[in-house]
């Protein structure tokens, strides 16, 4: 299952709900304001670090750059992707949930 999270970790309860719903061997794609969770030292980043290692983490490069999140600040665990790769992820997974 692919979870697509677009809401800020600071303003929306959906961020926490999504993290509670993710199981091992699933994937999480952070887009739009959810990329703020990748900022170092934030509670969102800490929460992402507690996800099982089998959870694949992705983010859209355009959303990072558009919100001023430096690529150097992104954890090595996060794969930075483009729109074409986002479409491929959606096709690859049998179920997609948008938060």
N, C-alpha and C. Protein backbone atom coordinates (compact mmCIF):
# COMPACT_ATOMS: atom_id res chain seq x y z
N UNK A 1 0.84 -1.18 0.00
CA UNK A 1 0.00 0.00 0.00
C UNK A 1 0.89 1.25 0.00
N UNK A 2 0.48 2.23 -0.78
CA UNK A 2 1.16 3.52 -0.82
C UNK A 2 0.28 4.54 -0.10
N UNK A 3 0.86 5.20 0.88
CA UNK A 3 0.19 6.31 1.58
C UNK A 3 0.77 7.61 1.03
N UNK A 4 -0.10 8.50 0.56
CA UNK A 4 0.33 9.81 0.08
C UNK A 4 -0.14 10.84 1.08
N UNK A 5 0.80 11.50 1.71
CA UNK A 5 0.49 12.47 2.77
C UNK A 5 0.82 13.87 2.28
N UNK A 6 -0.16 14.77 2.32
CA UNK A 6 0.06 16.12 1.81
C UNK A 6 -0.12 17.22 2.84
N UNK A 7 -0.52 16.87 4.04
CA UNK A 7 -0.81 17.89 5.06
C UNK A 7 0.35 18.11 6.01
N UNK A 8 0.46 19.33 6.47
CA UNK A 8 1.53 19.72 7.38
C UNK A 8 1.48 18.90 8.67
N UNK A 9 2.63 18.51 9.18
CA UNK A 9 2.64 17.77 10.44
C UNK A 9 2.28 18.66 11.63
N UNK A 10 2.30 19.97 11.45
CA UNK A 10 2.09 20.89 12.55
C UNK A 10 0.65 21.41 12.64
N UNK A 11 -0.09 21.35 11.57
CA UNK A 11 -1.41 21.97 11.54
C UNK A 11 -2.55 20.97 11.37
N UNK A 12 -2.24 19.74 11.11
CA UNK A 12 -3.27 18.76 10.77
C UNK A 12 -3.09 17.48 11.57
N UNK A 13 -4.16 16.91 12.13
CA UNK A 13 -4.05 15.62 12.82
C UNK A 13 -3.85 14.45 11.86
N UNK A 14 -4.04 14.68 10.55
CA UNK A 14 -3.90 13.59 9.58
C UNK A 14 -2.48 13.05 9.50
N UNK A 15 -1.50 13.90 9.78
CA UNK A 15 -0.11 13.44 9.75
C UNK A 15 0.08 12.31 10.76
N UNK A 16 -0.32 12.56 12.01
CA UNK A 16 -0.18 11.54 13.06
C UNK A 16 -1.05 10.33 12.75
N UNK A 17 -2.25 10.54 12.25
CA UNK A 17 -3.14 9.41 11.91
C UNK A 17 -2.51 8.54 10.83
N UNK A 18 -1.92 9.16 9.85
CA UNK A 18 -1.27 8.41 8.76
C UNK A 18 -0.13 7.57 9.31
N UNK A 19 0.71 8.14 10.15
CA UNK A 19 1.85 7.40 10.69
C UNK A 19 1.40 6.22 11.55
N UNK A 20 0.28 6.38 12.25
CA UNK A 20 -0.24 5.26 13.05
C UNK A 20 -0.80 4.15 12.17
N UNK A 21 -1.26 4.50 10.98
CA UNK A 21 -1.90 3.52 10.09
C UNK A 21 -0.91 2.74 9.23
N UNK A 22 0.30 3.24 9.08
CA UNK A 22 1.27 2.59 8.21
C UNK A 22 1.79 1.31 8.85
N UNK A 23 1.81 0.27 8.05
CA UNK A 23 2.35 -1.02 8.49
C UNK A 23 3.69 -1.30 7.81
N UNK A 24 4.37 -2.29 8.31
CA UNK A 24 5.64 -2.70 7.72
C UNK A 24 5.44 -3.04 6.25
N UNK A 25 6.46 -2.81 5.46
CA UNK A 25 6.48 -3.12 4.03
C UNK A 25 5.52 -2.27 3.20
N UNK A 26 5.05 -1.16 3.74
CA UNK A 26 4.25 -0.23 2.97
C UNK A 26 5.13 0.97 2.60
N UNK A 27 4.56 1.90 1.86
CA UNK A 27 5.31 3.07 1.41
C UNK A 27 4.60 4.35 1.80
N UNK A 28 5.39 5.39 2.01
CA UNK A 28 4.86 6.71 2.35
C UNK A 28 5.50 7.75 1.43
N UNK A 29 4.66 8.52 0.76
CA UNK A 29 5.11 9.61 -0.10
C UNK A 29 4.67 10.92 0.52
N UNK A 30 5.62 11.80 0.84
CA UNK A 30 5.33 13.11 1.39
C UNK A 30 5.32 14.13 0.27
N UNK A 31 4.19 14.84 0.13
CA UNK A 31 4.06 15.87 -0.90
C UNK A 31 3.51 17.13 -0.25
N UNK A 32 3.48 18.20 -1.02
CA UNK A 32 2.94 19.49 -0.59
C UNK A 32 3.47 19.86 0.79
N UNK A 33 2.60 20.26 1.73
CA UNK A 33 3.07 20.74 3.04
C UNK A 33 3.60 19.63 3.95
N UNK A 34 3.39 18.39 3.61
CA UNK A 34 3.92 17.29 4.43
C UNK A 34 5.44 17.26 4.40
N UNK A 35 6.06 17.90 3.39
CA UNK A 35 7.52 17.90 3.32
C UNK A 35 8.15 18.65 4.49
N UNK A 36 7.38 19.49 5.18
CA UNK A 36 7.91 20.18 6.35
C UNK A 36 8.30 19.19 7.46
N UNK A 37 7.77 17.99 7.41
CA UNK A 37 8.12 16.96 8.39
C UNK A 37 9.57 16.50 8.22
N UNK A 38 10.18 16.84 7.12
CA UNK A 38 11.55 16.41 6.85
C UNK A 38 12.59 17.37 7.41
N UNK A 39 12.14 18.50 7.94
CA UNK A 39 13.09 19.47 8.51
C UNK A 39 13.77 18.90 9.74
N UNK A 40 15.09 19.03 9.83
CA UNK A 40 15.81 18.50 10.99
C UNK A 40 15.34 19.13 12.29
N UNK A 41 15.28 18.31 13.33
CA UNK A 41 14.92 18.78 14.66
C UNK A 41 13.45 18.99 14.92
N UNK A 42 12.59 18.61 13.97
CA UNK A 42 11.15 18.78 14.17
C UNK A 42 10.53 17.49 14.69
N UNK A 43 9.38 17.63 15.29
CA UNK A 43 8.68 16.44 15.80
C UNK A 43 8.25 15.54 14.65
N UNK A 44 7.93 16.12 13.50
CA UNK A 44 7.56 15.31 12.34
C UNK A 44 8.71 14.44 11.88
N UNK A 45 9.89 15.00 11.84
CA UNK A 45 11.08 14.22 11.43
C UNK A 45 11.34 13.11 12.44
N UNK A 46 11.22 13.42 13.73
CA UNK A 46 11.42 12.40 14.75
C UNK A 46 10.41 11.27 14.60
N UNK A 47 9.17 11.61 14.32
CA UNK A 47 8.14 10.59 14.15
C UNK A 47 8.45 9.70 12.95
N UNK A 48 8.94 10.28 11.87
CA UNK A 48 9.29 9.49 10.68
C UNK A 48 10.43 8.53 10.97
N UNK A 49 11.36 8.94 11.82
CA UNK A 49 12.50 8.08 12.17
C UNK A 49 12.06 6.82 12.92
N UNK A 50 10.91 6.87 13.57
CA UNK A 50 10.42 5.71 14.33
C UNK A 50 9.66 4.70 13.48
N UNK A 51 9.40 5.04 12.22
CA UNK A 51 8.73 4.07 11.36
C UNK A 51 9.66 2.88 11.12
N UNK A 52 9.10 1.69 10.96
CA UNK A 52 9.94 0.52 10.70
C UNK A 52 10.82 0.73 9.47
N UNK A 53 11.99 0.13 9.49
CA UNK A 53 12.94 0.26 8.38
C UNK A 53 12.36 -0.29 7.08
N UNK A 54 11.38 -1.18 7.17
CA UNK A 54 10.78 -1.77 5.97
C UNK A 54 9.80 -0.83 5.28
N UNK A 55 9.48 0.32 5.91
CA UNK A 55 8.60 1.31 5.28
C UNK A 55 9.46 2.16 4.34
N UNK A 56 9.09 2.18 3.07
CA UNK A 56 9.80 2.99 2.09
C UNK A 56 9.29 4.43 2.14
N UNK A 57 10.22 5.38 2.20
CA UNK A 57 9.85 6.80 2.32
C UNK A 57 10.30 7.56 1.08
N UNK A 58 9.38 8.38 0.56
CA UNK A 58 9.63 9.16 -0.65
C UNK A 58 9.14 10.59 -0.44
N UNK A 59 9.68 11.51 -1.22
CA UNK A 59 9.19 12.88 -1.24
C UNK A 59 9.40 13.46 -2.62
N UNK A 60 8.57 14.43 -2.97
CA UNK A 60 8.68 15.09 -4.28
C UNK A 60 9.69 16.23 -4.22
N UNK A 61 10.64 16.20 -5.12
CA UNK A 61 11.67 17.24 -5.16
C UNK A 61 11.08 18.63 -5.38
N UNK A 62 10.09 18.73 -6.26
CA UNK A 62 9.50 20.05 -6.54
C UNK A 62 8.84 20.65 -5.31
N UNK A 63 8.24 19.82 -4.46
CA UNK A 63 7.61 20.33 -3.25
C UNK A 63 8.65 20.75 -2.22
N UNK A 64 9.76 20.02 -2.15
CA UNK A 64 10.85 20.42 -1.26
C UNK A 64 11.39 21.79 -1.66
N UNK A 65 11.72 21.91 -2.94
CA UNK A 65 12.31 23.15 -3.43
C UNK A 65 11.32 24.32 -3.34
N UNK A 66 10.07 24.06 -3.62
CA UNK A 66 9.04 25.11 -3.56
C UNK A 66 8.79 25.63 -2.16
N UNK A 67 9.13 24.85 -1.15
CA UNK A 67 8.91 25.25 0.24
C UNK A 67 10.22 25.58 0.94
N UNK A 68 11.29 25.61 0.20
CA UNK A 68 12.57 26.02 0.76
C UNK A 68 13.25 25.00 1.64
N UNK A 69 12.88 23.74 1.50
CA UNK A 69 13.52 22.67 2.27
C UNK A 69 14.76 22.23 1.49
N UNK A 70 15.91 22.36 2.11
CA UNK A 70 17.17 22.04 1.43
C UNK A 70 17.32 20.53 1.27
N UNK A 71 17.77 20.13 0.09
CA UNK A 71 18.00 18.71 -0.16
C UNK A 71 19.04 18.14 0.78
N UNK A 72 19.98 18.96 1.22
CA UNK A 72 21.02 18.50 2.15
C UNK A 72 20.46 18.15 3.53
N UNK A 73 19.28 18.69 3.86
CA UNK A 73 18.66 18.43 5.16
C UNK A 73 17.85 17.14 5.19
N UNK A 74 17.69 16.50 4.05
CA UNK A 74 16.86 15.30 3.94
C UNK A 74 17.66 14.07 4.38
N UNK A 75 17.02 13.25 5.19
CA UNK A 75 17.63 12.01 5.66
C UNK A 75 17.95 11.10 4.47
N UNK A 76 19.01 10.32 4.60
CA UNK A 76 19.37 9.35 3.55
C UNK A 76 18.29 8.30 3.35
N UNK A 77 17.43 8.15 4.32
CA UNK A 77 16.35 7.16 4.23
C UNK A 77 15.27 7.59 3.25
N UNK A 78 15.16 8.87 2.99
CA UNK A 78 14.12 9.42 2.12
C UNK A 78 14.62 9.44 0.68
N UNK A 79 13.84 8.87 -0.22
CA UNK A 79 14.18 8.94 -1.64
C UNK A 79 13.46 10.12 -2.27
N UNK A 80 14.21 11.04 -2.83
CA UNK A 80 13.65 12.22 -3.48
C UNK A 80 13.31 11.83 -4.92
N UNK A 81 12.05 12.07 -5.31
CA UNK A 81 11.57 11.62 -6.62
C UNK A 81 10.93 12.78 -7.39
N UNK A 82 10.65 12.52 -8.67
CA UNK A 82 9.95 13.50 -9.50
C UNK A 82 8.53 12.97 -9.78
N UNK A 83 7.77 13.73 -10.59
CA UNK A 83 6.38 13.35 -10.87
C UNK A 83 6.26 12.03 -11.62
N UNK A 84 7.19 11.77 -12.52
CA UNK A 84 7.15 10.51 -13.26
C UNK A 84 7.30 9.32 -12.30
N UNK A 85 8.18 9.46 -11.34
CA UNK A 85 8.38 8.38 -10.37
C UNK A 85 7.17 8.26 -9.44
N UNK A 86 6.50 9.39 -9.17
CA UNK A 86 5.28 9.35 -8.36
C UNK A 86 4.20 8.52 -9.05
N UNK A 87 4.04 8.74 -10.33
CA UNK A 87 3.06 7.96 -11.11
C UNK A 87 3.44 6.48 -11.08
N UNK A 88 4.72 6.20 -11.24
CA UNK A 88 5.18 4.80 -11.22
C UNK A 88 4.88 4.16 -9.87
N UNK A 89 5.06 4.90 -8.77
CA UNK A 89 4.74 4.37 -7.44
C UNK A 89 3.25 4.04 -7.33
N UNK A 90 2.41 4.93 -7.84
CA UNK A 90 0.96 4.71 -7.76
C UNK A 90 0.54 3.47 -8.55
N UNK A 91 1.18 3.25 -9.68
CA UNK A 91 0.87 2.09 -10.51
C UNK A 91 1.41 0.81 -9.87
N UNK A 92 2.58 0.92 -9.26
CA UNK A 92 3.25 -0.23 -8.66
C UNK A 92 2.50 -0.80 -7.46
N UNK A 93 1.83 0.05 -6.69
CA UNK A 93 1.13 -0.40 -5.49
C UNK A 93 -0.32 -0.77 -5.83
N UNK A 94 -0.81 -1.82 -5.19
CA UNK A 94 -2.18 -2.26 -5.46
C UNK A 94 -3.21 -1.33 -4.84
N UNK A 95 -2.85 -0.65 -3.77
CA UNK A 95 -3.76 0.30 -3.10
C UNK A 95 -3.00 1.59 -2.84
N UNK A 96 -3.72 2.72 -2.99
CA UNK A 96 -3.16 4.04 -2.71
C UNK A 96 -4.14 4.78 -1.82
N UNK A 97 -3.63 5.30 -0.71
CA UNK A 97 -4.47 6.08 0.22
C UNK A 97 -3.92 7.48 0.30
N UNK A 98 -4.77 8.45 0.11
CA UNK A 98 -4.37 9.85 0.19
C UNK A 98 -4.85 10.45 1.51
N UNK A 99 -3.93 11.09 2.21
CA UNK A 99 -4.24 11.70 3.51
C UNK A 99 -4.23 13.20 3.37
